[in-house]
Amino acid sequence: MTEATTLPPLPDRLSIDPRSPHHVAAVCEQDIGIRFNDKERFDVDEYCISEGWIKVPAGKAVDRKGRPLLIKLKGTVEAFYR
């Protein structure tokens, strides 16, 4: 798989929000999978592997600027390329 060698390494902390200081555009362009407590999650907005948490939307609730409210879930986090 020559494609896997050209992919940038996954950071310890990553956010899909372009305004975040933890947003890495080169990594976000790829298809990334997140496994949280041995189950694959598809709704993760931000993760941190070393601290062991993910941030996911809290239902349909939004803040006053229209962005979804996020809740932090703690557990075992694993990030990988699909």
N, C-alpha and C. Protein backbone atom coordinates (compact mmCIF):
# COMPACT_ATOMS: atom_id res chain seq x y z
N MET A 1 0.84 -1.18 0.00
CA MET A 1 0.00 0.00 0.00
C MET A 1 0.88 1.24 0.00
N THR A 2 1.14 1.77 -1.13
CA THR A 2 1.96 2.97 -1.23
C THR A 2 1.20 4.19 -0.76
N GLU A 3 -0.12 4.12 -0.75
CA GLU A 3 -0.93 5.25 -0.32
C GLU A 3 -0.73 5.54 1.17
N ALA A 4 -0.55 4.52 1.98
CA ALA A 4 -0.38 4.70 3.42
C ALA A 4 0.93 5.39 3.75
N THR A 5 1.95 5.25 2.90
CA THR A 5 3.23 5.88 3.19
C THR A 5 3.20 7.37 2.89
N THR A 6 2.30 7.82 2.03
CA THR A 6 2.24 9.24 1.68
C THR A 6 1.30 10.02 2.59
N LEU A 7 0.54 9.35 3.44
CA LEU A 7 -0.39 10.04 4.34
C LEU A 7 0.38 10.70 5.49
N PRO A 8 -0.04 11.90 5.91
CA PRO A 8 0.62 12.54 7.04
C PRO A 8 0.28 11.79 8.33
N PRO A 9 1.18 11.81 9.31
CA PRO A 9 0.89 11.11 10.57
C PRO A 9 -0.27 11.76 11.31
N LEU A 10 -1.06 10.96 11.98
CA LEU A 10 -2.19 11.48 12.74
C LEU A 10 -1.69 12.18 14.00
N PRO A 11 -2.16 13.39 14.26
CA PRO A 11 -1.72 14.11 15.47
C PRO A 11 -2.39 13.54 16.71
N ASP A 12 -1.83 13.88 17.87
CA ASP A 12 -2.40 13.45 19.15
C ASP A 12 -3.76 14.09 19.38
N ARG A 13 -3.92 15.32 18.92
CA ARG A 13 -5.19 16.04 19.08
C ARG A 13 -5.58 16.66 17.74
N LEU A 14 -6.84 16.48 17.35
CA LEU A 14 -7.29 16.96 16.06
C LEU A 14 -8.73 17.44 16.16
N SER A 15 -9.03 18.55 15.48
CA SER A 15 -10.36 19.11 15.42
C SER A 15 -10.77 19.29 13.96
N ILE A 16 -12.06 19.11 13.66
CA ILE A 16 -12.52 19.33 12.29
C ILE A 16 -12.92 20.79 12.07
N ASP A 17 -12.98 21.58 13.13
CA ASP A 17 -13.35 22.99 13.04
C ASP A 17 -12.15 23.80 12.55
N PRO A 18 -12.25 24.47 11.38
CA PRO A 18 -11.10 25.21 10.85
C PRO A 18 -10.65 26.38 11.73
N ARG A 19 -11.49 26.86 12.63
CA ARG A 19 -11.09 27.96 13.52
C ARG A 19 -10.28 27.49 14.71
N SER A 20 -10.23 26.20 14.94
CA SER A 20 -9.52 25.64 16.09
C SER A 20 -8.01 25.64 15.84
N PRO A 21 -7.22 25.86 16.89
CA PRO A 21 -5.76 25.76 16.72
C PRO A 21 -5.30 24.32 16.51
N HIS A 22 -6.17 23.35 16.74
CA HIS A 22 -5.82 21.94 16.58
C HIS A 22 -6.31 21.38 15.24
N HIS A 23 -6.69 22.24 14.34
CA HIS A 23 -7.14 21.82 13.00
C HIS A 23 -5.92 21.68 12.09
N VAL A 24 -5.79 20.53 11.45
CA VAL A 24 -4.72 20.27 10.49
C VAL A 24 -5.40 19.92 9.17
N ALA A 25 -5.35 20.84 8.22
CA ALA A 25 -6.08 20.68 6.97
C ALA A 25 -5.63 19.45 6.17
N ALA A 26 -4.33 19.17 6.16
CA ALA A 26 -3.82 18.04 5.38
C ALA A 26 -4.36 16.72 5.91
N VAL A 27 -4.54 16.61 7.20
CA VAL A 27 -5.06 15.38 7.79
C VAL A 27 -6.58 15.30 7.62
N CYS A 28 -7.27 16.43 7.76
CA CYS A 28 -8.73 16.44 7.67
C CYS A 28 -9.23 16.14 6.26
N GLU A 29 -8.39 16.30 5.26
CA GLU A 29 -8.79 15.97 3.89
C GLU A 29 -8.91 14.46 3.68
N GLN A 30 -8.22 13.68 4.50
CA GLN A 30 -8.26 12.22 4.40
C GLN A 30 -9.47 11.67 5.16
N ASP A 31 -9.79 10.41 4.91
CA ASP A 31 -10.88 9.74 5.61
C ASP A 31 -10.31 9.13 6.89
N ILE A 32 -10.70 9.68 8.04
CA ILE A 32 -10.17 9.27 9.34
C ILE A 32 -11.26 8.54 10.11
N GLY A 33 -10.89 7.48 10.77
CA GLY A 33 -11.80 6.75 11.65
C GLY A 33 -11.39 6.93 13.09
N ILE A 34 -12.38 6.97 13.98
CA ILE A 34 -12.12 7.09 15.41
C ILE A 34 -12.78 5.91 16.11
N ARG A 35 -12.00 5.18 16.87
CA ARG A 35 -12.52 4.08 17.68
C ARG A 35 -12.48 4.54 19.13
N PHE A 36 -13.66 4.59 19.75
CA PHE A 36 -13.80 5.06 21.13
C PHE A 36 -14.38 3.93 21.96
N ASN A 37 -13.62 3.48 22.97
CA ASN A 37 -14.00 2.34 23.81
C ASN A 37 -14.37 1.13 22.95
N ASP A 38 -13.52 0.83 21.98
CA ASP A 38 -13.65 -0.33 21.08
C ASP A 38 -14.87 -0.30 20.17
N LYS A 39 -15.48 0.87 19.97
CA LYS A 39 -16.58 1.03 19.02
C LYS A 39 -16.26 2.19 18.10
N GLU A 40 -16.49 2.02 16.82
CA GLU A 40 -16.20 3.09 15.86
C GLU A 40 -17.28 4.16 15.94
N ARG A 41 -16.83 5.42 16.03
CA ARG A 41 -17.75 6.56 16.10
C ARG A 41 -17.63 7.36 14.82
N PHE A 42 -18.76 7.89 14.35
CA PHE A 42 -18.79 8.66 13.10
C PHE A 42 -19.17 10.11 13.34
N ASP A 43 -19.42 10.51 14.58
CA ASP A 43 -19.88 11.86 14.89
C ASP A 43 -18.87 12.68 15.70
N VAL A 44 -17.60 12.33 15.65
CA VAL A 44 -16.58 12.99 16.47
C VAL A 44 -16.15 14.30 15.82
N ASP A 45 -16.19 15.39 16.60
CA ASP A 45 -15.73 16.69 16.12
C ASP A 45 -14.29 16.98 16.52
N GLU A 46 -13.87 16.45 17.65
CA GLU A 46 -12.51 16.67 18.13
C GLU A 46 -12.11 15.49 19.00
N TYR A 47 -10.82 15.15 18.99
CA TYR A 47 -10.35 14.07 19.84
C TYR A 47 -8.97 14.39 20.39
N CYS A 48 -8.62 13.72 21.49
CA CYS A 48 -7.27 13.79 22.07
C CYS A 48 -6.93 12.39 22.56
N ILE A 49 -5.92 11.79 21.97
CA ILE A 49 -5.56 10.42 22.30
C ILE A 49 -4.87 10.35 23.66
N SER A 50 -3.93 11.25 23.95
CA SER A 50 -3.17 11.18 25.20
C SER A 50 -4.03 11.45 26.43
N GLU A 51 -5.00 12.36 26.31
CA GLU A 51 -5.87 12.66 27.44
C GLU A 51 -7.09 11.74 27.48
N GLY A 52 -7.38 11.02 26.40
CA GLY A 52 -8.45 10.04 26.37
C GLY A 52 -9.85 10.61 26.35
N TRP A 53 -10.13 11.52 25.40
CA TRP A 53 -11.48 12.08 25.29
C TRP A 53 -11.81 12.40 23.84
N ILE A 54 -13.12 12.48 23.58
CA ILE A 54 -13.64 12.94 22.29
C ILE A 54 -14.73 13.96 22.57
N LYS A 55 -15.00 14.82 21.59
CA LYS A 55 -16.10 15.77 21.69
C LYS A 55 -17.08 15.45 20.57
N VAL A 56 -18.35 15.30 20.96
CA VAL A 56 -19.41 14.97 20.02
C VAL A 56 -20.56 15.94 20.20
N PRO A 57 -21.40 16.15 19.17
CA PRO A 57 -22.55 17.04 19.30
C PRO A 57 -23.54 16.53 20.34
N ALA A 58 -24.14 17.46 21.08
CA ALA A 58 -25.12 17.12 22.12
C ALA A 58 -26.52 17.22 21.53
N GLY A 59 -26.91 16.23 20.76
CA GLY A 59 -28.23 16.23 20.15
C GLY A 59 -28.36 17.31 19.09
N LYS A 60 -29.51 18.00 19.09
CA LYS A 60 -29.76 19.05 18.10
C LYS A 60 -29.52 20.44 18.68
N ALA A 61 -28.99 20.52 19.89
CA ALA A 61 -28.76 21.81 20.53
C ALA A 61 -27.66 22.58 19.82
N VAL A 62 -27.87 23.89 19.63
CA VAL A 62 -26.89 24.75 19.01
C VAL A 62 -26.67 25.98 19.88
N ASP A 63 -25.50 26.60 19.72
CA ASP A 63 -25.24 27.83 20.47
C ASP A 63 -25.84 29.02 19.72
N ARG A 64 -25.61 30.21 20.22
CA ARG A 64 -26.24 31.39 19.61
C ARG A 64 -25.69 31.73 18.23
N LYS A 65 -24.57 31.13 17.86
CA LYS A 65 -24.00 31.35 16.52
C LYS A 65 -24.36 30.23 15.55
N GLY A 66 -25.16 29.27 16.00
CA GLY A 66 -25.62 28.20 15.14
C GLY A 66 -24.72 26.98 15.08
N ARG A 67 -23.65 26.95 15.88
CA ARG A 67 -22.76 25.80 15.92
C ARG A 67 -23.29 24.80 16.95
N PRO A 68 -23.12 23.50 16.71
CA PRO A 68 -23.64 22.51 17.66
C PRO A 68 -22.90 22.58 18.99
N LEU A 69 -23.65 22.35 20.08
CA LEU A 69 -23.03 22.25 21.39
C LEU A 69 -22.35 20.89 21.48
N LEU A 70 -21.15 20.87 22.06
CA LEU A 70 -20.37 19.65 22.13
C LEU A 70 -20.27 19.17 23.57
N ILE A 71 -20.27 17.84 23.75
CA ILE A 71 -20.03 17.27 25.05
C ILE A 71 -18.75 16.43 24.96
N LYS A 72 -18.05 16.34 26.08
CA LYS A 72 -16.80 15.60 26.14
C LYS A 72 -17.06 14.24 26.77
N LEU A 73 -16.64 13.19 26.07
CA LEU A 73 -16.75 11.83 26.58
C LEU A 73 -15.34 11.30 26.82
N LYS A 74 -15.13 10.67 27.99
CA LYS A 74 -13.80 10.15 28.33
C LYS A 74 -13.77 8.64 28.16
N GLY A 75 -12.64 8.16 27.66
CA GLY A 75 -12.45 6.72 27.46
C GLY A 75 -11.21 6.47 26.63
N THR A 76 -11.11 5.30 26.05
CA THR A 76 -9.97 4.92 25.22
C THR A 76 -10.22 5.40 23.79
N VAL A 77 -9.27 6.16 23.24
CA VAL A 77 -9.40 6.74 21.90
C VAL A 77 -8.30 6.18 20.99
N GLU A 78 -8.71 5.78 19.79
CA GLU A 78 -7.77 5.31 18.77
C GLU A 78 -8.17 5.94 17.44
N ALA A 79 -7.22 6.57 16.79
CA ALA A 79 -7.48 7.19 15.48
C ALA A 79 -6.73 6.40 14.42
N PHE A 80 -7.36 6.28 13.22
CA PHE A 80 -6.75 5.52 12.13
C PHE A 80 -7.28 6.04 10.80
N TYR A 81 -6.51 5.77 9.74
CA TYR A 81 -6.96 6.07 8.39
C TYR A 81 -7.79 4.90 7.89
N ARG A 82 -8.88 5.22 7.20
CA ARG A 82 -9.72 4.16 6.61
C ARG A 82 -9.22 3.79 5.25
